[in-house]
Amino acid sequence: MPQVLLNGEYVASEDAKISPMDRGFLFGDGIYEVIPCYQGKPVGLNLHLARMNRGLSEIGIKYHADSEQWTKHCDFLQSQVEGDAVGIYVHISRGADSKRFHAYPDHITPTVFAYAFAIPPSQSLDREKAKSFKVVTKEDLRWQRCHIKSTSLLGNVMHFQQGQDAEKDEVILFNKQGFITEAAACNVFVVINGEILTPKLDNQLLPGITRTIILGSLEKHGGFIVKEQDIPLETLNEADEVWITSSTKEIGAVVEVDGRTIGDGMPGPLWKKAQAAYNEYKFSF
């Protein structure tokens, strides 16, 4: 059986045990990351660790993820999974207390857990072979601190299930003002008239690492017009292309929104150029 990391030790997955009094179990009181790796190289490791440390600090968990240490952990955990495309799941909870009580307890030790799993290979640039997605839209009913990558994911899970119930791949969310926030498990990009638009960062959406690397890659490559701004939901009706982005999807082309075909129903030409730019630079951040 593959080994996992639990509180500084590598143990067989079936032997990994966490107390039912752990606040991650009782309250979803923790922070997590998913780090994609290809051919043994992690994508955006330092960006993921920096975001995790910001989240831990914001919710008052006394743990700091060290880059050198976690590079070694990622190397070992990747060796536990066959294949060249591996995801590393990292989960830091506040730890186990002797009682269930809402306030942050003092003097408990955070629980640190990580394991590796197979993820899809990097996106093909062949429009015929690339993975594409069909989505629906729903009003965003989650909490108002979506910029924290909390393990409290029930709001996201319920929205994602709405897509599953509709036999679609994802759900693009919009706020009460009618602006797109993000998807249940992804960030969102919209292409219209040659311009690449994505919602500006605030408390309503996660600052995705893939989103950050895409923006940086497009800037490094040059030749793209990119804007971070409010995007009205109705913009999707005029969109030439729509993308959803995440660590395991990279840039996923959306070919249908609420039953309406986007473009010619295939990943678009700007998607191909953006994915190529991402592939070129994704290990440099």
C-alpha atoms as a PDB file:
ATOM      1  CA  MET A   1       0.000   0.000   0.000  1.00  0.00           C
ATOM      2  CA  PRO A   2       1.234   3.556  -0.687  1.00  0.00           C
ATOM      3  CA  GLN A   3       2.589   5.637   2.160  1.00  0.00           C
ATOM      4  CA  VAL A   4       1.195   8.994   3.250  1.00  0.00           C
ATOM      5  CA  LEU A   5       2.563  11.789   5.415  1.00  0.00           C
ATOM      6  CA  LEU A   6       1.001  12.190   8.851  1.00  0.00           C
ATOM      7  CA  ASN A   7       2.467  14.518  11.458  1.00  0.00           C
ATOM      8  CA  GLY A   8       6.018  14.295  10.159  1.00  0.00           C
ATOM      9  CA  GLU A   9       6.117  10.557   9.530  1.00  0.00           C
ATOM     10  CA  TYR A  10       5.499   8.418   6.456  1.00  0.00           C
ATOM     11  CA  VAL A  11       3.041   5.641   7.231  1.00  0.00           C
ATOM     12  CA  ALA A  12       1.071   3.131   5.196  1.00  0.00           C
ATOM     13  CA  SER A  13      -2.219   4.694   4.160  1.00  0.00           C
ATOM     14  CA  GLU A  14      -4.250   2.029   5.982  1.00  0.00           C
ATOM     15  CA  ASP A  15      -2.360   2.799   9.214  1.00  0.00           C
ATOM     16  CA  ALA A  16      -2.927   6.574   9.116  1.00  0.00           C
ATOM     17  CA  LYS A  17      -5.270   7.517  11.972  1.00  0.00           C
ATOM     18  CA  ILE A  18      -6.664  10.914  13.013  1.00  0.00           C
ATOM     19  CA  SER A  19      -8.617  11.569  16.204  1.00  0.00           C
ATOM     20  CA  PRO A  20     -12.388  12.106  15.857  1.00  0.00           C
ATOM     21  CA  MET A  21     -11.816  15.095  18.150  1.00  0.00           C
ATOM     22  CA  ASP A  22      -9.688  16.745  15.464  1.00  0.00           C
ATOM     23  CA  ARG A  23     -11.129  20.159  14.655  1.00  0.00           C
ATOM     24  CA  GLY A  24     -10.662  19.468  10.958  1.00  0.00           C
ATOM     25  CA  PHE A  25     -13.232  16.685  11.371  1.00  0.00           C
ATOM     26  CA  LEU A  26     -15.536  18.545  13.778  1.00  0.00           C
ATOM     27  CA  PHE A  27     -15.466  22.035  12.233  1.00  0.00           C
ATOM     28  CA  GLY A  28     -13.650  21.873   8.901  1.00  0.00           C
ATOM     29  CA  ASP A  29     -11.086  23.990  10.766  1.00  0.00           C
ATOM     30  CA  GLY A  30      -8.126  23.835   8.426  1.00  0.00           C
ATOM     31  CA  ILE A  31      -6.413  24.801   5.188  1.00  0.00           C
ATOM     32  CA  TYR A  32      -5.559  22.609   2.204  1.00  0.00           C
ATOM     33  CA  GLU A  33      -3.707  22.692  -1.099  1.00  0.00           C
ATOM     34  CA  VAL A  34      -3.511  20.491  -4.188  1.00  0.00           C
ATOM     35  CA  ILE A  35      -0.137  20.646  -5.939  1.00  0.00           C
ATOM     36  CA  PRO A  36       0.070  19.172  -9.471  1.00  0.00           C
ATOM     37  CA  CYS A  37       3.288  17.478 -10.568  1.00  0.00           C
ATOM     38  CA  TYR A  38       4.338  16.356 -14.046  1.00  0.00           C
ATOM     39  CA  GLN A  39       7.383  14.188 -14.805  1.00  0.00           C
ATOM     40  CA  GLY A  40       8.413  14.606 -11.172  1.00  0.00           C
ATOM     41  CA  LYS A  41       8.275  18.405 -11.188  1.00  0.00           C
ATOM     42  CA  PRO A  42       5.729  20.285  -9.049  1.00  0.00           C
ATOM     43  CA  VAL A  43       3.875  23.220 -10.602  1.00  0.00           C
ATOM     44  CA  GLY A  44       3.893  26.402  -8.554  1.00  0.00           C
ATOM     45  CA  LEU A  45       5.059  24.723  -5.335  1.00  0.00           C
ATOM     46  CA  ASN A  46       6.227  27.946  -3.697  1.00  0.00           C
ATOM     47  CA  LEU A  47       3.042  29.728  -4.753  1.00  0.00           C
ATOM     48  CA  HIS A  48       0.944  26.942  -3.214  1.00  0.00           C
ATOM     49  CA  LEU A  49       2.940  27.011   0.019  1.00  0.00           C
ATOM     50  CA  ALA A  50       2.764  30.805   0.230  1.00  0.00           C
ATOM     51  CA  ARG A  51      -1.030  30.729  -0.184  1.00  0.00           C
ATOM     52  CA  MET A  52      -1.295  27.973   2.405  1.00  0.00           C
ATOM     53  CA  ASN A  53       0.800  29.960   4.869  1.00  0.00           C
ATOM     54  CA  ARG A  54      -1.357  33.046   4.296  1.00  0.00           C
ATOM     55  CA  GLY A  55      -4.489  31.008   4.950  1.00  0.00           C
ATOM     56  CA  LEU A  56      -3.036  29.412   8.080  1.00  0.00           C
ATOM     57  CA  SER A  57      -2.054  32.823   9.391  1.00  0.00           C
ATOM     58  CA  GLU A  58      -5.467  34.305   8.604  1.00  0.00           C
ATOM     59  CA  ILE A  59      -7.291  31.655  10.629  1.00  0.00           C
ATOM     60  CA  GLY A  60      -4.685  31.548  13.385  1.00  0.00           C
ATOM     61  CA  ILE A  61      -3.209  28.054  12.931  1.00  0.00           C
ATOM     62  CA  LYS A  62       0.385  28.021  14.178  1.00  0.00           C
ATOM     63  CA  TYR A  63       2.118  26.128  11.399  1.00  0.00           C
ATOM     64  CA  HIS A  64       4.477  27.375   8.706  1.00  0.00           C
ATOM     65  CA  ALA A  65       5.115  25.321   5.565  1.00  0.00           C
ATOM     66  CA  ASP A  66       8.821  25.331   4.734  1.00  0.00           C
ATOM     67  CA  SER A  67       9.703  25.161   1.038  1.00  0.00           C
ATOM     68  CA  GLU A  68      12.749  22.900   1.393  1.00  0.00           C
ATOM     69  CA  GLN A  69      10.925  20.475   3.655  1.00  0.00           C
ATOM     70  CA  TRP A  70       7.861  20.292   1.429  1.00  0.00           C
ATOM     71  CA  THR A  71       9.958  19.814  -1.695  1.00  0.00           C
ATOM     72  CA  LYS A  72      11.268  16.623  -0.063  1.00  0.00           C
ATOM     73  CA  HIS A  73       7.767  15.572   0.968  1.00  0.00           C
ATOM     74  CA  CYS A  74       6.471  16.085  -2.575  1.00  0.00           C
ATOM     75  CA  ASP A  75       9.354  14.085  -4.025  1.00  0.00           C
ATOM     76  CA  PHE A  76       8.685  11.164  -1.701  1.00  0.00           C
ATOM     77  CA  LEU A  77       4.905  11.187  -2.059  1.00  0.00           C
ATOM     78  CA  GLN A  78       5.136  11.257  -5.851  1.00  0.00           C
ATOM     79  CA  SER A  79       7.148   8.034  -5.658  1.00  0.00           C
ATOM     80  CA  GLN A  80       4.102   6.342  -4.105  1.00  0.00           C
ATOM     81  CA  VAL A  81       2.006   6.735  -7.273  1.00  0.00           C
ATOM     82  CA  GLU A  82       2.612   5.311 -10.723  1.00  0.00           C
ATOM     83  CA  GLY A  83       2.550   7.652 -13.696  1.00  0.00           C
ATOM     84  CA  ASP A  84       3.901  11.042 -14.717  1.00  0.00           C
ATOM     85  CA  ALA A  85       0.885  13.105 -13.594  1.00  0.00           C
ATOM     86  CA  VAL A  86       0.475  13.228  -9.819  1.00  0.00           C
ATOM     87  CA  GLY A  87      -1.376  15.492  -7.414  1.00  0.00           C
ATOM     88  CA  ILE A  88      -0.198  16.123  -3.840  1.00  0.00           C
ATOM     89  CA  TYR A  89      -3.025  16.842  -1.393  1.00  0.00           C
ATOM     90  CA  VAL A  90      -1.879  18.758   1.718  1.00  0.00           C
ATOM     91  CA  HIS A  91      -4.226  19.214   4.678  1.00  0.00           C
ATOM     92  CA  ILE A  92      -3.373  21.196   7.818  1.00  0.00           C
ATOM     93  CA  SER A  93      -6.020  21.263  10.546  1.00  0.00           C
ATOM     94  CA  ARG A  94      -5.860  23.067  13.882  1.00  0.00           C
ATOM     95  CA  GLY A  95      -5.488  19.712  15.616  1.00  0.00           C
ATOM     96  CA  ALA A  96      -7.308  17.609  18.203  1.00  0.00           C
ATOM     97  CA  ASP A  97      -8.637  19.024  21.472  1.00  0.00           C
ATOM     98  CA  SER A  98     -10.126  17.237  24.494  1.00  0.00           C
ATOM     99  CA  LYS A  99     -13.556  18.770  23.900  1.00  0.00           C
ATOM    100  CA  ARG A 100     -15.681  20.247  21.144  1.00  0.00           C
ATOM    101  CA  PHE A 101     -15.746  24.032  21.613  1.00  0.00           C
ATOM    102  CA  HIS A 102     -16.104  26.707  18.953  1.00  0.00           C
ATOM    103  CA  ALA A 103     -13.330  29.065  20.097  1.00  0.00           C
ATOM    104  CA  TYR A 104      -9.750  28.411  19.026  1.00  0.00           C
ATOM    105  CA  PRO A 105      -8.104  26.304  21.768  1.00  0.00           C
ATOM    106  CA  ASP A 106      -4.609  27.106  23.020  1.00  0.00           C
ATOM    107  CA  HIS A 107      -1.704  24.685  23.115  1.00  0.00           C
ATOM    108  CA  ILE A 108      -2.861  22.049  20.622  1.00  0.00           C
ATOM    109  CA  THR A 109      -0.675  20.763  17.824  1.00  0.00           C
ATOM    110  CA  PRO A 110      -1.812  21.091  14.195  1.00  0.00           C
ATOM    111  CA  THR A 111      -2.507  17.896  12.289  1.00  0.00           C
ATOM    112  CA  VAL A 112      -0.425  17.694   9.096  1.00  0.00           C
ATOM    113  CA  PHE A 113      -1.539  15.190   6.466  1.00  0.00           C
ATOM    114  CA  ALA A 114      -0.551  14.724   2.818  1.00  0.00           C
ATOM    115  CA  TYR A 115      -0.905  12.041   0.181  1.00  0.00           C
ATOM    116  CA  ALA A 116      -0.416  11.609  -3.565  1.00  0.00           C
ATOM    117  CA  PHE A 117      -2.914  10.576  -6.220  1.00  0.00           C
ATOM    118  CA  ALA A 118      -3.028  10.253  -9.982  1.00  0.00           C
ATOM    119  CA  ILE A 119      -4.345  13.247 -11.945  1.00  0.00           C
ATOM    120  CA  PRO A 120      -5.161  13.647 -15.649  1.00  0.00           C
ATOM    121  CA  PRO A 121      -2.189  14.273 -17.941  1.00  0.00           C
ATOM    122  CA  SER A 122      -1.408  17.787 -19.061  1.00  0.00           C
ATOM    123  CA  GLN A 123      -3.935  19.148 -21.560  1.00  0.00           C
ATOM    124  CA  SER A 124      -3.456  18.118 -25.166  1.00  0.00           C
ATOM    125  CA  LEU A 125      -3.185  21.017 -27.611  1.00  0.00           C
ATOM    126  CA  ASP A 126      -5.106  18.971 -30.163  1.00  0.00           C
ATOM    127  CA  ARG A 127      -8.659  20.358 -30.163  1.00  0.00           C
ATOM    128  CA  GLU A 128      -9.999  16.905 -30.957  1.00  0.00           C
ATOM    129  CA  LYS A 129      -8.262  15.306 -27.968  1.00  0.00           C
ATOM    130  CA  ALA A 130      -8.387  18.095 -25.380  1.00  0.00           C
ATOM    131  CA  LYS A 131     -10.725  17.616 -22.434  1.00  0.00           C
ATOM    132  CA  SER A 132     -13.651  20.055 -22.676  1.00  0.00           C
ATOM    133  CA  PHE A 133     -16.450  20.873 -20.249  1.00  0.00           C
ATOM    134  CA  LYS A 134     -20.173  21.605 -20.110  1.00  0.00           C
ATOM    135  CA  VAL A 135     -21.457  23.831 -17.311  1.00  0.00           C
ATOM    136  CA  VAL A 136     -24.537  25.427 -15.827  1.00  0.00           C
ATOM    137  CA  THR A 137     -24.810  28.731 -13.955  1.00  0.00           C
ATOM    138  CA  LYS A 138     -26.154  29.274 -10.444  1.00  0.00           C
ATOM    139  CA  GLU A 139     -26.269  32.072  -7.865  1.00  0.00           C
ATOM    140  CA  ASP A 140     -23.314  31.899  -5.492  1.00  0.00           C
ATOM    141  CA  LEU A 141     -24.658  31.003  -2.034  1.00  0.00           C
ATOM    142  CA  ARG A 142     -21.364  30.281  -0.264  1.00  0.00           C
ATOM    143  CA  TRP A 143     -19.795  32.187   2.613  1.00  0.00           C
ATOM    144  CA  GLN A 144     -18.056  35.554   2.228  1.00  0.00           C
ATOM    145  CA  ARG A 145     -14.476  34.407   2.793  1.00  0.00           C
ATOM    146  CA  CYS A 146     -13.928  32.370  -0.344  1.00  0.00           C
ATOM    147  CA  HIS A 147     -10.385  33.747  -0.687  1.00  0.00           C
ATOM    148  CA  ILE A 148      -9.356  31.350   2.125  1.00  0.00           C
ATOM    149  CA  LYS A 149      -8.694  27.814   0.869  1.00  0.00           C
ATOM    150  CA  SER A 150     -10.506  26.280   3.802  1.00  0.00           C
ATOM    151  CA  THR A 151     -11.292  22.604   4.236  1.00  0.00           C
ATOM    152  CA  SER A 152     -14.877  23.763   4.965  1.00  0.00           C
ATOM    153  CA  LEU A 153     -16.027  23.008   1.430  1.00  0.00           C
ATOM    154  CA  LEU A 154     -19.688  22.106   1.895  1.00  0.00           C
ATOM    155  CA  GLY A 155     -20.869  25.229   0.036  1.00  0.00           C
ATOM    156  CA  ASN A 156     -18.655  24.355  -2.927  1.00  0.00           C
ATOM    157  CA  VAL A 157     -19.682  20.707  -2.739  1.00  0.00           C
ATOM    158  CA  MET A 158     -23.384  21.586  -2.842  1.00  0.00           C
ATOM    159  CA  HIS A 159     -22.879  23.838  -5.870  1.00  0.00           C
ATOM    160  CA  PHE A 160     -20.765  21.201  -7.625  1.00  0.00           C
ATOM    161  CA  GLN A 161     -23.507  18.671  -6.987  1.00  0.00           C
ATOM    162  CA  GLN A 162     -25.969  20.973  -8.761  1.00  0.00           C
ATOM    163  CA  GLY A 163     -23.846  20.494 -11.859  1.00  0.00           C
ATOM    164  CA  GLN A 164     -23.709  16.749 -11.370  1.00  0.00           C
ATOM    165  CA  ASP A 165     -27.485  16.598 -10.934  1.00  0.00           C
ATOM    166  CA  ALA A 166     -27.817  18.446 -14.251  1.00  0.00           C
ATOM    167  CA  GLU A 167     -25.365  15.952 -15.814  1.00  0.00           C
ATOM    168  CA  LYS A 168     -22.824  18.710 -16.392  1.00  0.00           C
ATOM    169  CA  ASP A 169     -19.173  19.039 -15.420  1.00  0.00           C
ATOM    170  CA  GLU A 170     -19.167  22.267 -13.412  1.00  0.00           C
ATOM    171  CA  VAL A 171     -21.186  25.231 -12.155  1.00  0.00           C
ATOM    172  CA  ILE A 172     -20.240  28.843 -12.881  1.00  0.00           C
ATOM    173  CA  LEU A 173     -21.380  31.040  -9.990  1.00  0.00           C
ATOM    174  CA  PHE A 174     -22.587  34.638  -9.942  1.00  0.00           C
ATOM    175  CA  ASN A 175     -23.216  37.011  -7.041  1.00  0.00           C
ATOM    176  CA  LYS A 176     -26.326  39.006  -6.142  1.00  0.00           C
ATOM    177  CA  GLN A 177     -25.118  41.860  -8.373  1.00  0.00           C
ATOM    178  CA  GLY A 178     -25.058  39.490 -11.362  1.00  0.00           C
ATOM    179  CA  PHE A 179     -21.262  39.306 -11.677  1.00  0.00           C
ATOM    180  CA  ILE A 180     -19.374  36.043 -12.158  1.00  0.00           C
ATOM    181  CA  THR A 181     -17.339  35.007  -9.113  1.00  0.00           C
ATOM    182  CA  GLU A 182     -15.832  31.608  -9.934  1.00  0.00           C
ATOM    183  CA  ALA A 183     -16.911  28.017 -10.455  1.00  0.00           C
ATOM    184  CA  ALA A 184     -17.553  25.468  -7.713  1.00  0.00           C
ATOM    185  CA  ALA A 185     -13.992  24.122  -7.981  1.00  0.00           C
ATOM    186  CA  CYS A 186     -12.330  26.397 -10.568  1.00  0.00           C
ATOM    187  CA  ASN A 187     -11.572  29.958 -11.558  1.00  0.00           C
ATOM    188  CA  VAL A 188     -13.236  31.360 -14.694  1.00  0.00           C
ATOM    189  CA  PHE A 189     -11.964  33.145 -17.803  1.00  0.00           C
ATOM    190  CA  VAL A 190     -14.098  34.582 -20.608  1.00  0.00           C
ATOM    191  CA  VAL A 191     -12.850  35.468 -24.101  1.00  0.00           C
ATOM    192  CA  ILE A 192     -14.761  38.120 -26.011  1.00  0.00           C
ATOM    193  CA  ASN A 193     -13.595  40.032 -29.090  1.00  0.00           C
ATOM    194  CA  GLY A 194     -10.042  38.800 -28.633  1.00  0.00           C
ATOM    195  CA  GLU A 195      -9.781  39.948 -25.007  1.00  0.00           C
ATOM    196  CA  ILE A 196      -9.261  37.534 -22.103  1.00  0.00           C
ATOM    197  CA  LEU A 197     -11.317  38.553 -19.068  1.00  0.00           C
ATOM    198  CA  THR A 198     -11.247  37.088 -15.562  1.00  0.00           C
ATOM    199  CA  PRO A 199     -12.957  38.300 -12.364  1.00  0.00           C
ATOM    200  CA  LYS A 200     -10.777  40.526 -10.197  1.00  0.00           C
ATOM    201  CA  LEU A 201      -9.701  39.086  -6.879  1.00  0.00           C
ATOM    202  CA  ASP A 202     -11.662  39.809  -3.716  1.00  0.00           C
ATOM    203  CA  ASN A 203     -13.208  37.839  -0.859  1.00  0.00           C
ATOM    204  CA  GLN A 204     -15.736  36.218  -3.226  1.00  0.00           C
ATOM    205  CA  LEU A 205     -13.265  33.959  -5.017  1.00  0.00           C
ATOM    206  CA  LEU A 206     -10.150  31.931  -4.462  1.00  0.00           C
ATOM    207  CA  PRO A 207      -6.864  33.364  -5.750  1.00  0.00           C
ATOM    208  CA  GLY A 208      -6.150  30.232  -7.768  1.00  0.00           C
ATOM    209  CA  ILE A 209      -2.516  29.247  -8.274  1.00  0.00           C
ATOM    210  CA  THR A 210      -3.278  28.031 -11.794  1.00  0.00           C
ATOM    211  CA  ARG A 211      -5.010  31.368 -12.404  1.00  0.00           C
ATOM    212  CA  THR A 212      -1.865  33.178 -11.200  1.00  0.00           C
ATOM    213  CA  ILE A 213       0.426  31.071 -13.381  1.00  0.00           C
ATOM    214  CA  ILE A 214      -1.825  31.544 -16.421  1.00  0.00           C
ATOM    215  CA  LEU A 215      -1.789  35.318 -16.010  1.00  0.00           C
ATOM    216  CA  GLY A 216       1.974  35.288 -15.562  1.00  0.00           C
ATOM    217  CA  SER A 217       2.480  32.982 -18.541  1.00  0.00           C
ATOM    218  CA  LEU A 218       0.334  35.136 -20.825  1.00  0.00           C
ATOM    219  CA  GLU A 219       2.331  38.185 -19.762  1.00  0.00           C
ATOM    220  CA  LYS A 220       5.674  36.444 -20.315  1.00  0.00           C
ATOM    221  CA  HIS A 221       4.611  35.139 -23.721  1.00  0.00           C
ATOM    222  CA  GLY A 222       3.163  38.459 -24.854  1.00  0.00           C
ATOM    223  CA  GLY A 223       0.569  39.146 -27.513  1.00  0.00           C
ATOM    224  CA  PHE A 224      -2.474  38.653 -25.278  1.00  0.00           C
ATOM    225  CA  ILE A 225      -4.949  41.271 -24.045  1.00  0.00           C
ATOM    226  CA  VAL A 226      -5.884  40.319 -20.474  1.00  0.00           C
ATOM    227  CA  LYS A 227      -8.181  42.210 -18.110  1.00  0.00           C
ATOM    228  CA  GLU A 228      -9.119  41.516 -14.492  1.00  0.00           C
ATOM    229  CA  GLN A 229     -12.540  43.069 -13.992  1.00  0.00           C
ATOM    230  CA  ASP A 230     -16.156  42.532 -13.026  1.00  0.00           C
ATOM    231  CA  ILE A 231     -17.808  40.271 -15.614  1.00  0.00           C
ATOM    232  CA  PRO A 232     -21.614  40.385 -15.876  1.00  0.00           C
ATOM    233  CA  LEU A 233     -23.200  36.953 -16.177  1.00  0.00           C
ATOM    234  CA  GLU A 234     -24.811  37.915 -19.489  1.00  0.00           C
ATOM    235  CA  THR A 235     -21.309  38.275 -20.976  1.00  0.00           C
ATOM    236  CA  LEU A 236     -21.370  34.493 -21.295  1.00  0.00           C
ATOM    237  CA  ASN A 237     -24.067  34.911 -23.961  1.00  0.00           C
ATOM    238  CA  GLU A 238     -21.613  36.874 -26.118  1.00  0.00           C
ATOM    239  CA  ALA A 239     -18.462  34.908 -25.295  1.00  0.00           C
ATOM    240  CA  ASP A 240     -16.280  33.480 -28.040  1.00  0.00           C
ATOM    241  CA  GLU A 241     -14.607  31.172 -25.509  1.00  0.00           C
ATOM    242  CA  VAL A 242     -15.025  30.295 -21.833  1.00  0.00           C
ATOM    243  CA  TRP A 243     -12.378  28.577 -19.699  1.00  0.00           C
ATOM    244  CA  ILE A 244     -12.357  27.023 -16.232  1.00  0.00           C
ATOM    245  CA  THR A 245      -8.967  26.636 -14.570  1.00  0.00           C
ATOM    246  CA  SER A 246      -7.603  24.575 -11.693  1.00  0.00           C
ATOM    247  CA  SER A 247      -4.528  22.641 -10.644  1.00  0.00           C
ATOM    248  CA  THR A 248      -5.789  19.389 -12.159  1.00  0.00           C
ATOM    249  CA  LYS A 249      -7.636  20.857 -15.178  1.00  0.00           C
ATOM    250  CA  GLU A 250      -5.009  23.443 -16.200  1.00  0.00           C
ATOM    251  CA  ILE A 251      -7.005  25.495 -18.772  1.00  0.00           C
ATOM    252  CA  GLY A 252     -10.253  23.675 -19.428  1.00  0.00           C
ATOM    253  CA  ALA A 253     -12.255  24.818 -22.434  1.00  0.00           C
ATOM    254  CA  VAL A 254     -15.996  25.181 -21.760  1.00  0.00           C
ATOM    255  CA  VAL A 255     -18.006  24.225 -24.825  1.00  0.00           C
ATOM    256  CA  GLU A 256     -21.530  24.604 -23.407  1.00  0.00           C
ATOM    257  CA  VAL A 257     -23.123  26.979 -20.872  1.00  0.00           C
ATOM    258  CA  ASP A 258     -26.724  26.378 -19.753  1.00  0.00           C
ATOM    259  CA  GLY A 259     -27.325  24.312 -22.882  1.00  0.00           C
ATOM    260  CA  ARG A 260     -25.935  26.964 -25.263  1.00  0.00           C
ATOM    261  CA  THR A 261     -22.965  25.974 -27.401  1.00  0.00           C
ATOM    262  CA  ILE A 262     -19.879  28.186 -27.077  1.00  0.00           C
ATOM    263  CA  GLY A 263     -18.221  28.945 -30.396  1.00  0.00           C
ATOM    264  CA  ASP A 264     -18.180  25.870 -32.624  1.00  0.00           C
ATOM    265  CA  GLY A 265     -18.491  23.490 -29.677  1.00  0.00           C
ATOM    266  CA  MET A 266     -14.739  22.818 -29.590  1.00  0.00           C
ATOM    267  CA  PRO A 267     -11.845  24.331 -27.616  1.00  0.00           C
ATOM    268  CA  GLY A 268     -11.155  27.680 -29.269  1.00  0.00           C
ATOM    269  CA  PRO A 269      -8.046  29.062 -30.957  1.00  0.00           C
ATOM    270  CA  LEU A 270      -7.163  31.442 -28.109  1.00  0.00           C
ATOM    271  CA  TRP A 271      -7.495  28.562 -25.645  1.00  0.00           C
ATOM    272  CA  LYS A 272      -4.849  26.658 -27.614  1.00  0.00           C
ATOM    273  CA  LYS A 273      -2.450  29.627 -27.550  1.00  0.00           C
ATOM    274  CA  ALA A 274      -3.048  30.217 -23.834  1.00  0.00           C
ATOM    275  CA  GLN A 275      -2.555  26.539 -22.950  1.00  0.00           C
ATOM    276  CA  ALA A 276       0.658  26.505 -24.989  1.00  0.00           C
ATOM    277  CA  ALA A 277       1.911  29.581 -23.102  1.00  0.00           C
ATOM    278  CA  TYR A 278       0.982  27.921 -19.800  1.00  0.00           C
ATOM    279  CA  ASN A 279       2.862  24.758 -20.787  1.00  0.00           C
ATOM    280  CA  GLU A 280       5.925  26.816 -21.662  1.00  0.00           C
ATOM    281  CA  TYR A 281       6.132  28.686 -18.368  1.00  0.00           C
ATOM    282  CA  LYS A 282       4.270  26.633 -15.734  1.00  0.00           C
ATOM    283  CA  PHE A 283       7.440  25.343 -14.061  1.00  0.00           C
ATOM    284  CA  SER A 284       9.003  28.810 -13.798  1.00  0.00           C
ATOM    285  CA  PHE A 285       6.777  30.215 -11.041  1.00  0.00           C
END
